[in-house]
Amino acid sequence: MSDQINSLEDLQAAVSGDAAEGAVVSEAPAREPVRDELGRSYATGKRKDAVARVWIRPGSGKVTVNGKEMEKYFARPVLQMVLRQPFDVAGVAGEFDVIATVKGGGLSGQAGAVKHGISKALQLYEPSLRPALKAAGFLTRDSRVVERKKYGKRKARRSFQFSKR
């Protein structure tokens, strides 16, 4: 128990960092890439009611969603832009092929789920990309979901129309 602080000088030395000669400074362990035997990284992305299973591997930038090209599955340019955001932020546009299967929700929720899955898979494949993706907020699951309908209400919060007579 030689690590005890008995005086004010010991406390000041401990705070400044030059106190203990034998103290071990623990650094955060470096993250290791997580890849399967085929050289792919897998992640699950979620948004609203949509769940996407995403595999990424080095390639030419081809994105396949439920067996279709990204342009066919997500016809709106805004949804295609959402899928490209993680690559643009990480600076690896056109370097990875993406294969995604997505279920549930609508097209907007599915695009968000695939984006979340791509971001998580990218940081697993190359841990050095994590700070950029984390700063952009792409690794955080957007927890907003539709509020449930309550009894005695027409919708979640909307009441029935009041009638005086």
N, C-alpha and C. Protein backbone atom coordinates (compact mmCIF):
# COMPACT_ATOMS: atom_id res chain seq x y z
N MET A 1 0.83 -1.19 0.00
CA MET A 1 0.00 0.00 0.00
C MET A 1 0.87 1.26 0.00
N SER A 2 1.88 1.30 -0.83
CA SER A 2 2.73 2.48 -0.91
C SER A 2 2.12 3.56 -1.79
N ASP A 3 0.93 3.30 -2.36
CA ASP A 3 0.28 4.26 -3.24
C ASP A 3 -0.57 5.26 -2.47
N GLN A 4 -0.55 5.18 -1.13
CA GLN A 4 -1.39 6.07 -0.34
C GLN A 4 -0.85 7.49 -0.38
N ILE A 5 -1.78 8.43 -0.28
CA ILE A 5 -1.43 9.85 -0.24
C ILE A 5 -1.57 10.30 1.20
N ASN A 6 -0.43 10.69 1.81
CA ASN A 6 -0.41 11.05 3.23
C ASN A 6 -0.28 12.54 3.47
N SER A 7 0.13 13.30 2.46
CA SER A 7 0.32 14.73 2.68
C SER A 7 -0.15 15.50 1.46
N LEU A 8 -0.18 16.80 1.60
CA LEU A 8 -0.59 17.66 0.51
C LEU A 8 0.40 17.60 -0.64
N GLU A 9 1.69 17.44 -0.32
CA GLU A 9 2.70 17.34 -1.37
C GLU A 9 2.50 16.07 -2.20
N ASP A 10 2.15 14.97 -1.52
CA ASP A 10 1.88 13.73 -2.24
C ASP A 10 0.70 13.90 -3.19
N LEU A 11 -0.33 14.61 -2.73
CA LEU A 11 -1.51 14.84 -3.56
C LEU A 11 -1.17 15.68 -4.78
N GLN A 12 -0.40 16.76 -4.58
CA GLN A 12 -0.01 17.61 -5.70
C GLN A 12 0.86 16.85 -6.69
N ALA A 13 1.76 16.02 -6.18
CA ALA A 13 2.62 15.24 -7.06
C ALA A 13 1.80 14.22 -7.85
N ALA A 14 0.80 13.63 -7.18
CA ALA A 14 -0.04 12.64 -7.86
C ALA A 14 -0.87 13.28 -8.96
N VAL A 15 -1.37 14.48 -8.70
CA VAL A 15 -2.20 15.17 -9.70
C VAL A 15 -1.35 15.62 -10.87
N SER A 16 -0.12 16.09 -10.60
CA SER A 16 0.73 16.56 -11.69
C SER A 16 1.28 15.40 -12.51
N GLY A 17 1.29 14.20 -11.96
CA GLY A 17 1.68 13.03 -12.73
C GLY A 17 3.09 12.56 -12.51
N ASP A 18 3.92 13.27 -11.72
CA ASP A 18 5.30 12.83 -11.54
C ASP A 18 5.54 12.19 -10.18
N ALA A 19 4.50 11.56 -9.64
CA ALA A 19 4.61 11.03 -8.29
C ALA A 19 5.25 9.65 -8.25
N ALA A 20 4.51 8.68 -8.67
CA ALA A 20 4.92 7.30 -8.43
C ALA A 20 5.88 6.83 -9.52
N GLU A 21 7.03 6.35 -9.08
CA GLU A 21 7.99 5.83 -10.04
C GLU A 21 7.54 4.46 -10.55
N GLY A 22 6.93 3.70 -9.66
CA GLY A 22 6.54 2.34 -10.00
C GLY A 22 5.11 2.23 -10.53
N ALA A 23 4.42 3.33 -10.62
CA ALA A 23 3.02 3.27 -11.07
C ALA A 23 2.97 2.95 -12.56
N VAL A 24 2.04 2.11 -12.92
CA VAL A 24 1.88 1.71 -14.31
C VAL A 24 0.81 2.59 -14.93
N VAL A 25 1.17 3.28 -16.01
CA VAL A 25 0.21 4.11 -16.72
C VAL A 25 -0.48 3.21 -17.74
N SER A 26 -1.79 3.06 -17.59
CA SER A 26 -2.50 2.16 -18.49
C SER A 26 -3.04 2.94 -19.69
N GLU A 27 -2.64 2.50 -20.86
CA GLU A 27 -3.14 3.09 -22.09
C GLU A 27 -4.30 2.24 -22.60
N ALA A 28 -5.16 2.87 -23.38
CA ALA A 28 -6.25 2.12 -23.99
C ALA A 28 -5.64 1.17 -25.02
N PRO A 29 -6.06 -0.09 -25.01
CA PRO A 29 -5.48 -1.03 -25.97
C PRO A 29 -5.86 -0.64 -27.40
N ALA A 30 -4.92 -0.81 -28.31
CA ALA A 30 -5.17 -0.49 -29.71
C ALA A 30 -6.21 -1.47 -30.25
N ARG A 31 -7.14 -0.95 -31.03
CA ARG A 31 -8.18 -1.81 -31.58
C ARG A 31 -7.62 -2.64 -32.73
N GLU A 32 -8.04 -3.88 -32.76
CA GLU A 32 -7.62 -4.78 -33.83
C GLU A 32 -8.71 -4.85 -34.89
N PRO A 33 -8.33 -4.95 -36.17
CA PRO A 33 -9.35 -5.13 -37.22
C PRO A 33 -10.10 -6.44 -37.02
N VAL A 34 -11.40 -6.42 -37.29
CA VAL A 34 -12.23 -7.62 -37.18
C VAL A 34 -12.68 -8.00 -38.58
N ARG A 35 -12.11 -9.11 -39.09
CA ARG A 35 -12.43 -9.57 -40.44
C ARG A 35 -12.63 -11.08 -40.42
N ASP A 36 -13.48 -11.59 -41.34
CA ASP A 36 -13.69 -13.03 -41.42
C ASP A 36 -12.66 -13.64 -42.37
N GLU A 37 -12.80 -14.95 -42.61
CA GLU A 37 -11.81 -15.64 -43.44
C GLU A 37 -11.83 -15.19 -44.90
N LEU A 38 -12.89 -14.52 -45.34
CA LEU A 38 -12.98 -14.00 -46.71
C LEU A 38 -12.53 -12.55 -46.79
N GLY A 39 -12.05 -11.98 -45.68
CA GLY A 39 -11.56 -10.60 -45.69
C GLY A 39 -12.66 -9.56 -45.59
N ARG A 40 -13.83 -9.96 -45.08
CA ARG A 40 -14.96 -9.04 -44.96
C ARG A 40 -15.16 -8.65 -43.50
N SER A 41 -15.82 -7.51 -43.31
CA SER A 41 -16.27 -7.11 -41.98
C SER A 41 -17.78 -7.05 -41.99
N TYR A 42 -18.38 -7.48 -40.88
CA TYR A 42 -19.84 -7.54 -40.78
C TYR A 42 -20.32 -6.65 -39.65
N ALA A 43 -21.45 -5.99 -39.87
CA ALA A 43 -22.07 -5.20 -38.81
C ALA A 43 -23.58 -5.15 -39.05
N THR A 44 -24.31 -4.90 -37.98
CA THR A 44 -25.76 -4.74 -38.04
C THR A 44 -26.10 -3.28 -37.79
N GLY A 45 -26.89 -2.70 -38.69
CA GLY A 45 -27.33 -1.32 -38.53
C GLY A 45 -28.83 -1.27 -38.29
N LYS A 46 -29.27 -0.30 -37.49
CA LYS A 46 -30.70 -0.19 -37.18
C LYS A 46 -31.14 1.26 -37.27
N ARG A 47 -32.38 1.46 -37.71
CA ARG A 47 -32.99 2.79 -37.75
C ARG A 47 -34.50 2.59 -37.82
N LYS A 48 -35.25 3.25 -36.94
CA LYS A 48 -36.70 3.08 -36.85
C LYS A 48 -37.01 1.59 -36.71
N ASP A 49 -37.79 1.01 -37.63
CA ASP A 49 -38.10 -0.42 -37.56
C ASP A 49 -37.25 -1.25 -38.51
N ALA A 50 -36.29 -0.63 -39.18
CA ALA A 50 -35.48 -1.32 -40.18
C ALA A 50 -34.21 -1.89 -39.54
N VAL A 51 -33.84 -3.09 -39.98
CA VAL A 51 -32.61 -3.75 -39.52
C VAL A 51 -31.84 -4.17 -40.75
N ALA A 52 -30.57 -3.74 -40.82
CA ALA A 52 -29.73 -4.06 -41.99
C ALA A 52 -28.54 -4.90 -41.54
N ARG A 53 -28.28 -5.96 -42.29
CA ARG A 53 -27.06 -6.75 -42.11
C ARG A 53 -26.11 -6.36 -43.23
N VAL A 54 -24.91 -5.89 -42.87
CA VAL A 54 -24.00 -5.30 -43.85
C VAL A 54 -22.64 -5.98 -43.80
N TRP A 55 -22.15 -6.37 -44.98
CA TRP A 55 -20.80 -6.89 -45.15
C TRP A 55 -20.04 -5.94 -46.06
N ILE A 56 -18.81 -5.58 -45.68
CA ILE A 56 -17.97 -4.76 -46.57
C ILE A 56 -16.67 -5.51 -46.82
N ARG A 57 -16.12 -5.30 -48.01
CA ARG A 57 -14.82 -5.86 -48.38
C ARG A 57 -14.16 -4.92 -49.38
N PRO A 58 -12.85 -4.96 -49.50
CA PRO A 58 -12.18 -4.09 -50.47
C PRO A 58 -12.69 -4.38 -51.87
N GLY A 59 -12.88 -3.33 -52.64
CA GLY A 59 -13.40 -3.51 -53.99
C GLY A 59 -13.46 -2.20 -54.74
N SER A 60 -14.45 -2.10 -55.63
CA SER A 60 -14.54 -0.96 -56.54
C SER A 60 -15.61 0.04 -56.15
N GLY A 61 -16.29 -0.17 -55.03
CA GLY A 61 -17.32 0.76 -54.60
C GLY A 61 -18.73 0.34 -54.99
N LYS A 62 -18.92 -0.92 -55.34
CA LYS A 62 -20.24 -1.43 -55.73
C LYS A 62 -21.08 -1.68 -54.47
N VAL A 63 -22.32 -1.18 -54.47
CA VAL A 63 -23.21 -1.34 -53.33
C VAL A 63 -24.42 -2.16 -53.77
N THR A 64 -24.66 -3.29 -53.11
CA THR A 64 -25.79 -4.16 -53.41
C THR A 64 -26.68 -4.24 -52.18
N VAL A 65 -27.98 -3.96 -52.37
CA VAL A 65 -28.94 -4.01 -51.27
C VAL A 65 -30.04 -4.99 -51.66
N ASN A 66 -30.21 -6.03 -50.86
CA ASN A 66 -31.21 -7.09 -51.13
C ASN A 66 -31.11 -7.64 -52.55
N GLY A 67 -29.88 -7.81 -53.03
CA GLY A 67 -29.66 -8.39 -54.35
C GLY A 67 -29.82 -7.42 -55.50
N LYS A 68 -30.12 -6.14 -55.23
CA LYS A 68 -30.27 -5.14 -56.30
C LYS A 68 -29.19 -4.08 -56.16
N GLU A 69 -28.92 -3.40 -57.27
CA GLU A 69 -27.99 -2.27 -57.22
C GLU A 69 -28.58 -1.16 -56.35
N MET A 70 -27.71 -0.37 -55.74
CA MET A 70 -28.17 0.72 -54.87
C MET A 70 -29.09 1.68 -55.63
N GLU A 71 -28.77 1.99 -56.90
CA GLU A 71 -29.56 2.94 -57.68
C GLU A 71 -30.96 2.40 -57.96
N LYS A 72 -31.09 1.08 -58.05
CA LYS A 72 -32.41 0.49 -58.30
C LYS A 72 -33.22 0.40 -57.01
N TYR A 73 -32.58 0.00 -55.90
CA TYR A 73 -33.31 -0.20 -54.66
C TYR A 73 -33.68 1.13 -54.02
N PHE A 74 -32.70 2.03 -53.93
CA PHE A 74 -32.95 3.37 -53.39
C PHE A 74 -32.94 4.34 -54.56
N ALA A 75 -34.12 4.55 -55.18
CA ALA A 75 -34.21 5.34 -56.40
C ALA A 75 -34.02 6.83 -56.14
N ARG A 76 -34.39 7.31 -54.95
CA ARG A 76 -34.26 8.74 -54.67
C ARG A 76 -32.80 9.11 -54.44
N PRO A 77 -32.33 10.20 -55.06
CA PRO A 77 -30.93 10.61 -54.90
C PRO A 77 -30.56 10.91 -53.44
N VAL A 78 -31.52 11.39 -52.64
CA VAL A 78 -31.23 11.70 -51.23
C VAL A 78 -30.84 10.43 -50.48
N LEU A 79 -31.55 9.33 -50.74
CA LEU A 79 -31.24 8.07 -50.05
C LEU A 79 -29.89 7.52 -50.50
N GLN A 80 -29.54 7.70 -51.78
CA GLN A 80 -28.23 7.27 -52.26
C GLN A 80 -27.13 8.09 -51.60
N MET A 81 -27.40 9.39 -51.41
CA MET A 81 -26.43 10.26 -50.75
C MET A 81 -26.22 9.82 -49.30
N VAL A 82 -27.31 9.41 -48.63
CA VAL A 82 -27.21 8.94 -47.24
C VAL A 82 -26.29 7.73 -47.16
N LEU A 83 -26.40 6.82 -48.13
CA LEU A 83 -25.55 5.63 -48.12
C LEU A 83 -24.08 5.95 -48.40
N ARG A 84 -23.81 7.02 -49.14
CA ARG A 84 -22.42 7.38 -49.46
C ARG A 84 -21.75 8.19 -48.36
N GLN A 85 -22.51 8.73 -47.42
CA GLN A 85 -21.94 9.61 -46.39
C GLN A 85 -20.81 8.98 -45.58
N PRO A 86 -20.95 7.74 -45.08
CA PRO A 86 -19.83 7.19 -44.27
C PRO A 86 -18.52 7.10 -45.05
N PHE A 87 -18.60 6.76 -46.34
CA PHE A 87 -17.38 6.66 -47.14
C PHE A 87 -16.75 8.03 -47.36
N ASP A 88 -17.59 9.05 -47.59
CA ASP A 88 -17.07 10.39 -47.81
C ASP A 88 -16.42 10.95 -46.56
N VAL A 89 -17.05 10.74 -45.39
CA VAL A 89 -16.50 11.24 -44.13
C VAL A 89 -15.18 10.54 -43.81
N ALA A 90 -15.13 9.23 -44.06
CA ALA A 90 -13.91 8.47 -43.75
C ALA A 90 -12.83 8.66 -44.82
N GLY A 91 -13.20 9.19 -45.98
CA GLY A 91 -12.23 9.41 -47.05
C GLY A 91 -11.86 8.15 -47.80
N VAL A 92 -12.77 7.18 -47.87
CA VAL A 92 -12.48 5.92 -48.56
C VAL A 92 -13.53 5.65 -49.65
N ALA A 93 -14.04 6.70 -50.29
CA ALA A 93 -15.07 6.54 -51.32
C ALA A 93 -14.54 5.69 -52.47
N GLY A 94 -15.32 4.69 -52.88
CA GLY A 94 -14.95 3.84 -54.00
C GLY A 94 -13.95 2.75 -53.68
N GLU A 95 -13.63 2.53 -52.42
CA GLU A 95 -12.62 1.53 -52.05
C GLU A 95 -13.22 0.24 -51.51
N PHE A 96 -14.52 0.25 -51.18
CA PHE A 96 -15.14 -0.93 -50.57
C PHE A 96 -16.41 -1.32 -51.31
N ASP A 97 -16.61 -2.63 -51.45
CA ASP A 97 -17.88 -3.17 -51.94
C ASP A 97 -18.76 -3.45 -50.73
N VAL A 98 -20.06 -3.21 -50.89
CA VAL A 98 -21.01 -3.39 -49.80
C VAL A 98 -22.09 -4.36 -50.25
N ILE A 99 -22.37 -5.36 -49.41
CA ILE A 99 -23.50 -6.26 -49.62
C ILE A 99 -24.37 -6.13 -48.39
N ALA A 100 -25.63 -5.72 -48.58
CA ALA A 100 -26.52 -5.50 -47.45
C ALA A 100 -27.85 -6.20 -47.67
N THR A 101 -28.40 -6.76 -46.61
CA THR A 101 -29.77 -7.25 -46.61
C THR A 101 -30.50 -6.47 -45.55
N VAL A 102 -31.65 -5.94 -45.90
CA VAL A 102 -32.38 -5.06 -44.98
C VAL A 102 -33.84 -5.47 -44.94
N LYS A 103 -34.40 -5.45 -43.72
CA LYS A 103 -35.80 -5.83 -43.52
C LYS A 103 -36.47 -4.80 -42.64
N GLY A 104 -37.78 -4.66 -42.82
CA GLY A 104 -38.58 -3.83 -41.95
C GLY A 104 -38.53 -2.36 -42.31
N GLY A 105 -39.55 -1.62 -41.84
CA GLY A 105 -39.57 -0.18 -42.03
C GLY A 105 -39.81 0.24 -43.46
N GLY A 106 -39.63 1.52 -43.72
CA GLY A 106 -39.78 2.07 -45.07
C GLY A 106 -38.42 2.35 -45.67
N LEU A 107 -38.41 2.96 -46.84
CA LEU A 107 -37.15 3.19 -47.54
C LEU A 107 -36.22 4.13 -46.77
N SER A 108 -36.76 5.16 -46.15
CA SER A 108 -35.92 6.10 -45.41
C SER A 108 -35.27 5.43 -44.21
N GLY A 109 -36.04 4.66 -43.47
CA GLY A 109 -35.48 3.93 -42.33
C GLY A 109 -34.47 2.89 -42.77
N GLN A 110 -34.74 2.24 -43.91
CA GLN A 110 -33.81 1.23 -44.41
C GLN A 110 -32.50 1.87 -44.83
N ALA A 111 -32.57 3.05 -45.47
CA ALA A 111 -31.34 3.75 -45.86
C ALA A 111 -30.54 4.13 -44.62
N GLY A 112 -31.21 4.59 -43.58
CA GLY A 112 -30.51 4.92 -42.34
C GLY A 112 -29.90 3.70 -41.68
N ALA A 113 -30.59 2.57 -41.76
CA ALA A 113 -30.06 1.33 -41.18
C ALA A 113 -28.82 0.87 -41.93
N VAL A 114 -28.85 0.94 -43.25
CA VAL A 114 -27.68 0.54 -44.05
C VAL A 114 -26.51 1.48 -43.77
N LYS A 115 -26.79 2.77 -43.65
CA LYS A 115 -25.73 3.75 -43.33
C LYS A 115 -25.09 3.42 -41.98
N HIS A 116 -25.92 3.11 -40.98
CA HIS A 116 -25.41 2.75 -39.66
C HIS A 116 -24.56 1.48 -39.73
N GLY A 117 -25.03 0.49 -40.50
CA GLY A 117 -24.29 -0.75 -40.66
C GLY A 117 -22.96 -0.55 -41.38
N ILE A 118 -22.96 0.28 -42.42
CA ILE A 118 -21.73 0.56 -43.16
C ILE A 118 -20.72 1.23 -42.23
N SER A 119 -21.18 2.19 -41.44
CA SER A 119 -20.28 2.91 -40.53
C SER A 119 -19.65 1.96 -39.52
N LYS A 120 -20.48 1.08 -38.92
CA LYS A 120 -19.96 0.14 -37.94
C LYS A 120 -18.99 -0.85 -38.58
N ALA A 121 -19.31 -1.32 -39.79
CA ALA A 121 -18.44 -2.28 -40.48
C ALA A 121 -17.12 -1.62 -40.87
N LEU A 122 -17.16 -0.36 -41.30
CA LEU A 122 -15.93 0.34 -41.68
C LEU A 122 -14.99 0.47 -40.48
N GLN A 123 -15.52 0.82 -39.32
CA GLN A 123 -14.64 0.98 -38.17
C GLN A 123 -14.14 -0.36 -37.66
N LEU A 124 -14.87 -1.44 -37.93
CA LEU A 124 -14.36 -2.77 -37.58
C LEU A 124 -13.27 -3.20 -38.56
N TYR A 125 -13.45 -2.88 -39.84
CA TYR A 125 -12.46 -3.27 -40.85
C TYR A 125 -11.17 -2.47 -40.67
N GLU A 126 -11.32 -1.16 -40.46
CA GLU A 126 -10.15 -0.29 -40.30
C GLU A 126 -10.35 0.60 -39.08
N PRO A 127 -9.84 0.21 -37.90
CA PRO A 127 -10.08 0.96 -36.66
C PRO A 127 -9.60 2.41 -36.71
N SER A 128 -8.69 2.76 -37.62
CA SER A 128 -8.22 4.15 -37.69
C SER A 128 -9.29 5.09 -38.23
N LEU A 129 -10.35 4.54 -38.84
CA LEU A 129 -11.44 5.38 -39.36
C LEU A 129 -12.45 5.75 -38.27
N ARG A 130 -12.35 5.11 -37.10
CA ARG A 130 -13.33 5.31 -36.04
C ARG A 130 -13.49 6.78 -35.59
N PRO A 131 -12.40 7.54 -35.35
CA PRO A 131 -12.59 8.92 -34.88
C PRO A 131 -13.42 9.78 -35.83
N ALA A 132 -13.19 9.66 -37.14
CA ALA A 132 -13.94 10.47 -38.10
C ALA A 132 -15.42 10.08 -38.11
N LEU A 133 -15.69 8.77 -38.09
CA LEU A 133 -17.08 8.30 -38.09
C LEU A 133 -17.78 8.65 -36.78
N LYS A 134 -17.07 8.56 -35.67
CA LYS A 134 -17.63 8.88 -34.36
C LYS A 134 -17.96 10.37 -34.28
N ALA A 135 -17.05 11.21 -34.79
CA ALA A 135 -17.26 12.66 -34.74
C ALA A 135 -18.47 13.07 -35.59
N ALA A 136 -18.71 12.36 -36.68
CA ALA A 136 -19.85 12.66 -37.55
C ALA A 136 -21.15 12.11 -36.98
N GLY A 137 -21.06 11.26 -35.94
CA GLY A 137 -22.25 10.71 -35.31
C GLY A 137 -22.84 9.51 -36.01
N PHE A 138 -22.06 8.86 -36.87
CA PHE A 138 -22.58 7.74 -37.66
C PHE A 138 -22.56 6.42 -36.91
N LEU A 139 -21.85 6.34 -35.78
CA LEU A 139 -21.77 5.09 -35.03
C LEU A 139 -22.85 4.99 -33.96
N THR A 140 -23.58 6.08 -33.76
CA THR A 140 -24.63 6.10 -32.74
C THR A 140 -25.95 5.70 -33.38
N ARG A 141 -26.64 4.75 -32.77
CA ARG A 141 -27.93 4.32 -33.29
C ARG A 141 -28.96 5.39 -32.98
N ASP A 142 -29.68 5.85 -34.00
CA ASP A 142 -30.73 6.84 -33.82
C ASP A 142 -31.92 6.13 -33.19
N SER A 143 -32.19 6.40 -31.92
CA SER A 143 -33.16 5.61 -31.16
C SER A 143 -34.60 6.09 -31.34
N ARG A 144 -34.82 7.09 -32.18
CA ARG A 144 -36.18 7.61 -32.34
C ARG A 144 -37.04 6.61 -33.10
N VAL A 145 -38.13 6.20 -32.50
CA VAL A 145 -39.06 5.28 -33.14
C VAL A 145 -40.47 5.85 -32.99
N VAL A 146 -41.41 5.28 -33.74
CA VAL A 146 -42.78 5.77 -33.70
C VAL A 146 -43.38 5.50 -32.32
N GLU A 147 -44.05 6.50 -31.78
CA GLU A 147 -44.68 6.36 -30.47
C GLU A 147 -45.93 5.50 -30.61
N ARG A 148 -46.18 4.66 -29.61
CA ARG A 148 -47.32 3.75 -29.70
C ARG A 148 -48.63 4.48 -29.49
N LYS A 149 -49.71 3.93 -30.03
CA LYS A 149 -51.05 4.48 -29.85
C LYS A 149 -51.55 4.12 -28.46
N LYS A 150 -52.16 5.12 -27.77
CA LYS A 150 -52.71 4.88 -26.43
C LYS A 150 -54.22 4.71 -26.52
N TYR A 151 -54.76 3.96 -25.57
CA TYR A 151 -56.21 3.76 -25.55
C TYR A 151 -56.88 5.08 -25.18
N GLY A 152 -58.09 5.31 -25.70
CA GLY A 152 -58.80 6.55 -25.45
C GLY A 152 -58.33 7.69 -26.32
N LYS A 153 -57.40 7.43 -27.22
CA LYS A 153 -56.87 8.44 -28.14
C LYS A 153 -57.05 7.96 -29.57
N ARG A 154 -57.12 8.93 -30.50
CA ARG A 154 -57.27 8.56 -31.90
C ARG A 154 -55.93 8.08 -32.48
N LYS A 155 -54.85 8.75 -32.09
CA LYS A 155 -53.49 8.35 -32.48
C LYS A 155 -52.66 8.27 -31.19
N ALA A 156 -51.37 8.51 -31.28
CA ALA A 156 -50.55 8.43 -30.08
C ALA A 156 -50.93 9.50 -29.06
N ARG A 157 -51.16 10.72 -29.54
CA ARG A 157 -51.50 11.82 -28.64
C ARG A 157 -52.79 12.54 -29.04
N ARG A 158 -53.20 12.41 -30.27
CA ARG A 158 -54.38 13.12 -30.79
C ARG A 158 -55.65 12.56 -30.17
N SER A 159 -56.46 13.47 -29.61
CA SER A 159 -57.73 13.04 -29.02
C SER A 159 -58.81 12.99 -30.08
N PHE A 160 -59.92 12.34 -29.75
CA PHE A 160 -61.08 12.36 -30.63
C PHE A 160 -61.65 13.77 -30.67
N GLN A 161 -62.33 14.11 -31.77
CA GLN A 161 -62.89 15.46 -31.91
C GLN A 161 -63.96 15.67 -30.85
N PHE A 162 -63.88 16.83 -30.17
CA PHE A 162 -64.84 17.15 -29.13
C PHE A 162 -66.14 17.65 -29.75
N SER A 163 -67.25 17.17 -29.24
CA SER A 163 -68.56 17.61 -29.71
C SER A 163 -69.36 18.13 -28.53
N LYS A 164 -69.72 19.40 -28.60
CA LYS A 164 -70.47 20.00 -27.47
C LYS A 164 -71.90 19.47 -27.43
N ARG A 165 -72.48 19.22 -28.60
CA ARG A 165 -73.85 18.68 -28.68
C ARG A 165 -73.89 17.45 -29.52
